[in-house]
Every structure is written in C-alpha cells, then in structure tokens.
Protein backbone atom coordinates (compact mmCIF):
# COMPACT_ATOMS: atom_id res chain seq x y z
CA MET A 1 0.00 0.00 0.00
CA SER A 2 1.43 3.36 -1.02
CA ALA A 3 2.12 6.00 1.59
CA THR A 4 0.75 8.63 -0.79
CA GLY A 5 -2.84 9.30 -1.78
CA ARG A 6 -5.89 9.60 0.44
CA SER A 7 -7.49 7.38 3.02
CA ILE A 8 -10.93 7.76 4.57
CA VAL A 9 -11.35 7.81 8.35
CA TYR A 10 -14.70 6.98 9.98
CA VAL A 11 -15.19 8.03 13.61
CA SER A 12 -18.22 6.86 15.58
CA CYS A 13 -19.22 9.43 18.25
CA SER A 14 -21.36 7.92 20.98
CA LYS A 15 -22.65 11.07 22.68
CA GLY A 16 -22.73 13.06 19.45
CA ALA A 17 -24.90 10.43 17.73
CA CYS A 18 -22.95 10.75 14.50
CA ILE A 19 -20.23 9.31 12.28
CA GLU A 20 -17.53 11.79 11.32
CA VAL A 21 -16.09 11.12 7.86
CA LEU A 22 -12.56 12.51 7.49
CA ALA A 23 -9.91 12.46 4.76
CA LEU A 24 -6.37 11.44 5.68
CA ASP A 25 -3.65 12.75 3.38
CA ARG A 26 -1.15 9.91 3.36
CA ALA A 27 1.66 12.20 2.25
CA THR A 28 1.31 14.66 5.15
CA GLY A 29 -0.85 13.06 7.84
CA GLU A 30 -3.35 15.91 7.61
CA LEU A 31 -6.95 15.19 8.61
CA THR A 32 -9.76 17.18 6.95
CA PRO A 33 -13.54 16.83 7.33
CA ILE A 34 -15.66 15.39 4.52
CA GLU A 35 -19.08 15.08 6.17
CA THR A 36 -20.90 14.38 9.43
CA VAL A 37 -23.49 11.63 9.19
CA ALA A 38 -26.20 11.94 11.82
CA LEU A 39 -27.32 8.78 13.56
CA ALA A 40 -30.82 8.27 14.89
CA ALA A 41 -29.24 6.69 17.96
CA SER A 42 -26.09 6.61 20.05
CA GLY A 43 -23.11 5.56 17.92
CA MET A 44 -21.05 2.55 18.95
CA PRO A 45 -18.55 0.26 17.14
CA LEU A 46 -18.02 0.24 13.37
CA ALA A 47 -16.87 -2.41 10.89
CA ILE A 48 -15.96 -2.28 7.17
CA SER A 49 -16.55 -5.17 4.79
CA PRO A 50 -13.52 -6.76 3.04
CA THR A 51 -14.89 -5.47 -0.27
CA LYS A 52 -14.68 -1.88 1.09
CA HIS A 53 -18.23 -1.23 -0.15
CA PHE A 54 -20.11 -1.41 3.16
CA LEU A 55 -19.75 0.10 6.60
CA PHE A 56 -21.76 -1.35 9.48
CA ALA A 57 -22.52 0.48 12.72
CA ALA A 58 -23.81 -0.89 16.00
CA VAL A 59 -26.11 1.71 17.52
CA SER A 60 -28.36 1.94 20.55
CA ALA A 61 -31.74 3.59 19.99
CA ASP A 62 -34.07 4.94 22.66
CA VAL A 63 -37.39 3.11 22.30
CA ASP A 64 -40.05 4.09 24.85
CA GLY A 65 -37.37 5.07 27.32
CA SER A 66 -35.33 1.87 26.95
CA PRO A 67 -32.25 1.29 24.78
CA GLU A 68 -32.78 -0.97 21.78
CA PRO A 69 -29.70 -2.32 19.99
CA ARG A 70 -29.60 -2.03 16.22
CA TYR A 71 -27.33 -2.57 13.25
CA ALA A 72 -27.13 0.11 10.54
CA LEU A 73 -25.77 -0.46 7.02
CA TYR A 74 -24.07 2.32 5.04
CA HIS A 75 -22.91 2.14 1.43
CA ILE A 76 -19.45 3.66 0.87
CA ASP A 77 -19.03 5.89 -2.17
CA GLN A 78 -15.95 4.46 -3.87
CA ASN A 79 -14.77 7.87 -5.12
CA THR A 80 -15.36 10.10 -2.11
CA GLY A 81 -15.76 7.84 0.93
CA ARG A 82 -19.12 9.44 1.72
CA LEU A 83 -21.80 7.29 3.32
CA ARG A 84 -25.33 6.52 2.17
CA HIS A 85 -27.67 4.83 4.61
CA GLY A 86 -28.98 1.48 3.42
CA HIS A 87 -31.15 0.07 6.17
CA THR A 88 -31.32 -0.54 9.93
CA ILE A 89 -32.37 -3.73 11.71
CA LYS A 90 -32.69 -4.86 15.30
CA ALA A 91 -29.42 -6.35 16.60
CA PRO A 92 -29.17 -9.55 18.68
CA GLY A 93 -27.67 -7.58 21.58
CA ARG A 94 -26.08 -4.30 22.58
CA MET A 95 -22.76 -4.85 20.85
CA SER A 96 -19.45 -3.71 22.32
CA HIS A 97 -17.57 -4.83 19.20
CA ILE A 98 -18.47 -5.84 15.66
CA THR A 99 -16.42 -7.19 12.78
CA VAL A 100 -17.05 -8.69 9.36
CA ASP A 101 -15.64 -12.20 9.04
CA ARG A 102 -12.81 -12.59 6.55
CA SER A 103 -15.12 -14.06 3.87
CA GLY A 104 -17.36 -10.98 4.03
CA GLY A 105 -20.43 -13.17 4.55
CA TYR A 106 -21.24 -12.48 8.19
CA LEU A 107 -21.36 -9.60 10.64
CA LEU A 108 -20.07 -10.85 13.98
CA GLY A 109 -20.86 -9.06 17.24
CA ALA A 110 -19.83 -9.37 20.89
CA SER A 111 -21.95 -8.02 23.73
CA VAL A 112 -20.73 -7.10 27.20
CA ALA A 113 -24.27 -6.20 28.27
CA ASN A 114 -25.88 -9.44 27.06
CA ASP A 115 -23.08 -12.02 27.57
CA LEU A 116 -23.25 -13.30 24.01
CA ILE A 117 -21.75 -13.33 20.55
CA ALA A 118 -23.83 -13.42 17.40
CA SER A 119 -23.51 -13.94 13.66
CA THR A 120 -25.74 -12.19 11.11
CA ALA A 121 -25.69 -13.00 7.39
CA ILE A 122 -24.70 -10.24 4.93
CA ASN A 123 -26.38 -10.35 1.54
CA ILE A 124 -24.54 -9.52 -1.68
CA ASP A 125 -26.00 -5.98 -1.64
CA GLY A 126 -24.81 -5.45 1.93
CA THR A 127 -28.21 -5.79 3.55
CA LEU A 128 -28.40 -7.79 6.75
CA ASN A 129 -30.80 -10.66 7.32
CA PRO A 130 -33.13 -9.70 10.16
CA ASP A 131 -32.73 -13.04 11.95
CA PRO A 132 -29.21 -13.94 13.17
CA VAL A 133 -27.87 -17.31 12.04
CA ALA A 134 -26.23 -17.89 15.43
CA ILE A 135 -26.43 -16.56 18.98
CA HIS A 136 -23.84 -18.12 21.26
CA PRO A 137 -23.79 -17.43 25.04
CA VAL A 138 -20.46 -16.73 26.74
CA PRO A 139 -19.49 -16.76 30.43
CA SER A 140 -19.38 -13.03 31.18
CA LYS A 141 -19.04 -9.72 29.31
CA ALA A 142 -17.90 -10.57 25.79
CA HIS A 143 -15.89 -7.52 24.75
CA GLN A 144 -14.65 -8.55 21.30
CA ILE A 145 -14.92 -11.28 18.70
CA THR A 146 -12.20 -11.93 16.15
CA THR A 147 -11.29 -14.73 13.76
CA ASP A 148 -7.85 -16.06 12.91
CA LEU A 149 -6.35 -15.47 9.48
CA SER A 150 -7.78 -18.76 8.17
CA ASN A 151 -11.28 -17.65 9.24
CA THR A 152 -11.66 -21.05 10.91
CA TYR A 153 -11.35 -20.16 14.60
CA ALA A 154 -12.88 -17.41 16.71
CA TYR A 155 -11.71 -15.86 19.97
CA VAL A 156 -13.80 -13.92 22.48
CA PRO A 157 -12.20 -12.06 25.42
CA ASN A 158 -14.58 -12.30 28.40
CA LEU A 159 -13.90 -9.20 30.44
CA GLY A 160 -16.01 -10.38 33.39
CA ALA A 161 -14.73 -13.94 33.61
CA ASP A 162 -10.95 -13.49 33.09
CA LEU A 163 -10.88 -15.88 30.17
CA VAL A 164 -10.85 -16.02 26.37
CA SER A 165 -13.42 -18.29 24.75
CA GLN A 166 -12.00 -20.49 21.97
CA LEU A 167 -14.45 -21.40 19.22
CA LYS A 168 -14.59 -23.03 15.83
CA PHE A 169 -16.17 -20.83 13.17
CA ASP A 170 -17.91 -22.25 10.10
CA ALA A 171 -17.62 -19.62 7.37
CA ASP A 172 -20.14 -21.49 5.19
CA THR A 173 -22.96 -21.31 7.74
CA GLY A 174 -21.81 -18.51 10.06
CA THR A 175 -22.16 -20.74 13.11
CA PHE A 176 -19.94 -21.38 16.15
CA ALA A 177 -18.93 -24.48 18.09
CA ASP A 178 -16.76 -24.80 21.18
CA ASN A 179 -13.14 -25.66 20.53
CA THR A 180 -11.20 -28.03 22.80
CA PRO A 181 -10.43 -26.63 25.30
CA ASN A 182 -13.19 -24.04 25.02
CA HIS A 183 -11.26 -21.30 26.81
CA ILE A 184 -7.91 -20.13 28.17
CA THR A 185 -7.68 -18.25 31.44
CA GLN A 186 -5.97 -15.08 32.62
CA PRO A 187 -5.11 -13.98 36.18
CA GLU A 188 -8.00 -13.07 38.46
CA GLY A 189 -9.06 -9.48 37.87
CA ALA A 190 -7.14 -9.16 34.57
CA ALA A 191 -10.31 -8.43 32.55
CA PRO A 192 -9.39 -9.64 29.00
CA ARG A 193 -10.60 -7.01 26.52
CA HIS A 194 -9.10 -7.10 22.99
CA ILE A 195 -6.97 -9.43 20.86
CA ALA A 196 -4.69 -8.41 17.97
CA HIS A 197 -3.54 -10.99 15.42
CA HIS A 198 -0.02 -10.95 14.03
CA PRO A 199 -0.15 -10.78 10.20
CA GLY A 200 2.03 -13.87 9.98
CA GLY A 201 -0.83 -15.88 11.45
CA HIS A 202 1.19 -17.65 14.15
CA TYR A 203 0.72 -15.30 17.13
CA ALA A 204 -2.01 -13.38 18.93
CA TYR A 205 -1.71 -10.70 21.60
CA LEU A 206 -4.29 -10.04 24.31
CA LEU A 207 -4.76 -6.76 26.17
CA ASN A 208 -6.03 -7.18 29.73
CA GLU A 209 -7.93 -4.06 30.71
CA GLU A 210 -7.59 -4.02 34.48
CA ASN A 211 -4.17 -5.44 35.36
CA GLY A 212 -2.13 -3.52 32.78
CA SER A 213 -0.80 -6.56 30.96
CA ILE A 214 -0.41 -7.88 27.42
CA ALA A 215 -0.32 -11.65 26.97
CA ALA A 216 1.35 -13.20 23.92
CA PHE A 217 0.14 -16.51 22.50
CA LYS A 218 1.17 -19.02 19.88
CA ILE A 219 -1.73 -20.25 17.74
CA ALA A 220 -1.64 -24.02 17.25
CA PRO A 221 -1.89 -24.49 13.46
CA GLN A 222 -3.90 -27.74 13.60
CA THR A 223 -6.37 -26.79 16.33
CA GLY A 224 -6.43 -22.97 16.52
CA THR A 225 -5.96 -23.07 20.29
CA LEU A 226 -3.85 -20.51 22.16
CA GLU A 227 -0.69 -21.20 24.16
CA GLN A 228 0.67 -18.31 26.23
CA PHE A 229 4.43 -17.74 26.12
CA GLN A 230 4.99 -14.18 27.38
CA THR A 231 3.46 -11.38 29.44
CA SER A 232 4.39 -7.69 29.27
CA SER A 233 2.89 -4.37 30.47
CA PHE A 234 1.29 -1.40 28.73
CA LEU A 235 1.63 0.93 31.74
CA PRO A 236 4.09 3.82 32.19
CA ASP A 237 6.99 3.31 34.59
CA ASN A 238 6.15 4.17 38.21
CA PHE A 239 2.45 4.14 37.31
CA ASP A 240 0.31 4.87 40.37
CA GLY A 241 -3.33 4.32 39.58
CA LYS A 242 -5.88 1.84 38.31
CA PRO A 243 -5.08 0.46 34.83
CA TRP A 244 -7.76 1.01 32.21
CA GLY A 245 -6.53 -0.50 28.99
CA ALA A 246 -8.55 -0.15 25.81
CA GLN A 247 -7.12 -1.01 22.39
CA ILE A 248 -4.31 -3.16 20.98
CA LEU A 249 -3.21 -3.27 17.32
CA ILE A 250 -0.27 -4.48 15.22
CA THR A 251 1.07 -2.83 12.08
CA SER A 252 0.55 -4.62 8.78
CA ASP A 253 4.23 -5.60 8.59
CA GLY A 254 4.06 -7.23 12.05
CA ARG A 255 6.94 -5.26 13.58
CA PHE A 256 5.15 -2.83 15.90
CA LEU A 257 2.45 -3.37 18.52
CA TYR A 258 0.57 -0.46 20.10
CA ALA A 259 -1.72 -0.37 23.12
CA SER A 260 -3.65 2.41 24.85
CA ASP A 261 -4.35 3.16 28.51
CA ARG A 262 -7.21 5.48 29.40
CA THR A 263 -6.17 6.30 32.98
CA SER A 264 -2.82 7.78 31.93
CA SER A 265 -4.02 8.74 28.40
CA THR A 266 -0.95 7.15 26.84
CA LEU A 267 -0.04 5.04 23.82
CA TRP A 268 2.57 2.31 24.28
CA LEU A 269 4.88 0.78 21.70
CA HIS A 270 6.23 -2.76 21.77
CA THR A 271 8.40 -4.19 19.02
CA ILE A 272 7.84 -7.80 17.96
CA ASP A 273 10.60 -10.26 17.12
CA PRO A 274 9.63 -11.73 13.72
CA ASP A 275 11.20 -15.10 14.50
CA THR A 276 9.87 -15.72 18.01
CA GLY A 277 6.90 -13.39 18.39
CA HIS A 278 8.36 -12.01 21.62
CA MET A 279 7.49 -8.43 22.58
CA THR A 280 9.94 -5.79 23.79
CA LYS A 281 8.48 -2.76 25.58
CA ARG A 282 9.92 0.39 24.04
CA GLN A 283 8.30 3.75 24.61
CA SER A 284 5.09 5.65 25.43
CA TRP A 285 3.52 8.92 24.32
CA PRO A 286 0.79 11.12 25.83
CA THR A 287 -2.27 11.26 23.62
CA GLU A 288 -5.89 12.41 23.58
CA THR A 289 -7.74 12.17 26.89
CA CYS A 290 -9.25 8.73 27.46
CA PRO A 291 -8.05 6.95 24.28
CA ARG A 292 -10.75 4.28 24.11
CA ASN A 293 -9.90 3.49 20.53
CA PHE A 294 -7.21 4.06 17.94
CA ALA A 295 -6.66 2.71 14.45
CA LEU A 296 -3.74 2.04 12.09
CA ASP A 297 -3.96 2.96 8.43
CA PRO A 298 -3.51 -0.04 6.09
CA SER A 299 -0.08 1.17 4.93
CA GLY A 300 1.23 1.13 8.51
CA HIS A 301 2.41 4.73 8.25
CA TYR A 302 -0.13 6.39 10.55
CA LEU A 303 -1.86 5.85 13.89
CA ILE A 304 -5.04 7.81 14.64
CA ALA A 305 -6.22 8.03 18.24
CA ALA A 306 -9.61 9.18 19.56
CA GLY A 307 -10.08 10.97 22.88
CA GLU A 308 -13.46 9.93 24.24
CA THR A 309 -13.50 12.86 26.67
CA SER A 310 -11.40 15.38 24.71
CA ASN A 311 -13.71 15.04 21.67
CA ARG A 312 -10.79 15.06 19.25
CA VAL A 313 -8.82 12.67 17.08
CA THR A 314 -5.09 13.03 16.48
CA CYS A 315 -2.99 11.56 13.68
CA TYR A 316 0.57 10.38 14.34
CA ALA A 317 3.18 9.38 11.78
CA ILE A 318 4.86 6.05 12.54
CA ASP A 319 8.64 6.03 12.10
CA GLN A 320 9.23 3.06 9.82
CA ASP A 321 12.54 2.17 11.47
CA THR A 322 11.69 2.53 15.17
CA GLY A 323 7.90 2.67 15.47
CA SER A 324 8.09 6.05 17.22
CA LEU A 325 5.09 8.37 16.92
CA ALA A 326 5.13 12.01 15.78
CA GLU A 327 1.97 14.13 15.84
CA LYS A 328 0.92 15.41 12.40
CA SER A 329 -2.60 16.77 12.82
CA SER A 330 -5.57 16.95 15.18
CA ILE A 331 -9.24 17.67 14.59
CA ALA A 332 -12.39 18.16 16.70
CA THR A 333 -15.20 15.62 16.39
CA GLY A 334 -18.66 15.07 17.75
CA ALA A 335 -18.94 14.24 21.44
CA GLY A 336 -17.57 10.95 22.69
CA PRO A 337 -15.53 9.52 19.80
CA LEU A 338 -15.11 5.86 20.66
CA TRP A 339 -14.41 3.89 17.45
CA ILE A 340 -12.30 4.49 14.33
CA GLU A 341 -12.11 2.62 11.04
CA ILE A 342 -9.71 3.56 8.22
CA LEU A 343 -10.20 2.70 4.55
CA ASP A 344 -7.93 3.15 1.53
CA LEU A 345 -9.87 3.81 -1.66
CA ASP A 346 -6.87 4.31 -3.97
C-alpha cells in the first residue's frame, strides 16, 4: 500500500450520535472533514466489509425510554468515501464490538451487556438478514470477537470472567462451536478485553484491561488453540493508579504493537521479534484524553487516536525504522468519539 494518496477515516461518536467522515492525506498526515453523518441513535462500534463497499454500525436507539440495539448499514461511495444509509435492523444484543468475518459473509458481534456473541448473514447488496444465524452465550461480558487469518477459529475475550473463549467458526454457515479446550484463562481481575492478530498468522496478543498486561500466545496451526508464552505491560513506569486498557493493534508488517491506557491517556509501543513473536516494551507517548480506541492505516504509516472525553482525534506518523510516533494533525469531532475505522480507496 502506497504512503501517498488519500485514506478515509470513519469516527463513531457515541454522545454526538454521529459518524464523522474525514480524509487522511497519506503524504502529510493531515486530517480534513468530509461530512458528518447523523445517527438516529447513540453511535457505537463500526466495521468495514472486506470489499470496502459497506460500513456497518452498532447503535443503541431509545425506544419508549429503553435502549434498543440495532445494526445500521451504510454504502461507501468508492470515489469520495461518503456514506449513504442502506437500512437498519434490530441487533441480537447491545454490541461492544463488531467485525465482518474474513469471507465478508457475516457480521459478527460481541456483547458485554448481554453475555453473548452473534452472527448475522450479509447479503450480496450489503443488507443484513433480520434473523441472526447464530447466537452463542459466553461466560461473562464478551468484549470482542475476532477470527484467525484462516477464518476457521474465533476468539472472544470475556472481560467479566478473566478468560478467552476459543471457538470453531464455520464460514459457510456462520455458526460457532466450542473448541477443545473451550477457553484459556488469565489472572484473576485481569479483565481480558481485545486481541490483535499478528499478520504472519502464528501469534495473537491479548490486552487485559484491568491489570495492565499484554499476553502473547502461539496459535496451534492444527487446532487454533492458544498457548501463552509471554506477558508484558502497557503501563508507564512508576504508574500509580488503576489500569484502564482499551485497544491493541499491530502494524501490517508485524513489527510494531501499540496499546492504549485510558487512565494515563498514553499510547505504548512494543516491538515484535519476527522469528519468536516475543514483545519488547519500548516507549510511550501522551495522547488524547481517554483513548478508548485508535486505528492504524492499512499502509502502517499512521496511527489515529480518539479521545473519548477530549472530543478530538489526532494523527501520528509512525517512524518506519523505530515505530516512534510524531503528531501530524488533530481535529475536533462530535462528542464521545469511541471507534475508528480507516479505509484506503486508492
């Protein structure tokens, strides 16, 4: 992916009930507004289809004084990145995270509020079938669902149960089945939140929200099960406070891992050994207040962080030799930016 040209940045703003659509100049790191798309409900996580034609939003509508979870489909203009609303359906739960499986056939969601994961079929025109093909209960507070690179196995960090559910995923039917074993555990009170997959397919990295740790795992090629081999920290030195980790991502070349902490409002860099998968903690940077989410552009040249309480997003250039971050631009958004997706259209 070229470092020149333009990428499109989508920012879901929970309190602002909108999606901000921004242009990212890949030559300079400058962010400029394209449009603000009003939502009829509180904005939550976003997901883009592998075809780049559809953006899905999990939203929470107020129905007779009670929140009702919904999925909204938006068509992406392939020239401008602008959004056109397609339709909205009731969602199987109030989703904390959504993603499109690697085949593009199913929208997968994880719900902290409802202790479940769900799979909803995506039609060729991007519309969602109103009835989910699978609803799978989990032990407690499913915060994310992700599939491995083969799209054969699924992993669900359970924030309330200190474990990661291990599942088999059938990409033909969109259904789940327990793997063996059906979970791996983390220390009591760790609160597993998000997993990032290494692009080589052999390793996965888990951010634990409440004990400040990152766990590294090997993925067994024949079974898809996780085997932990290292633990590191995403907290600043001499940290005195309660950890509140949020996001973890790896650059497309697999060399740099980033994690965010909301208590200290920092971004942490780890480098990854390409031969062993081992992490080395390197450096941190102050960022927007309460960085609940950040995203990496597909080229691996930029990191964009959202401040849920500062109501801004900031773009950082990634040094291609060291992984260090340098601020390039910052822009105000609607209230409560909590999710970012980045798309290259050229």
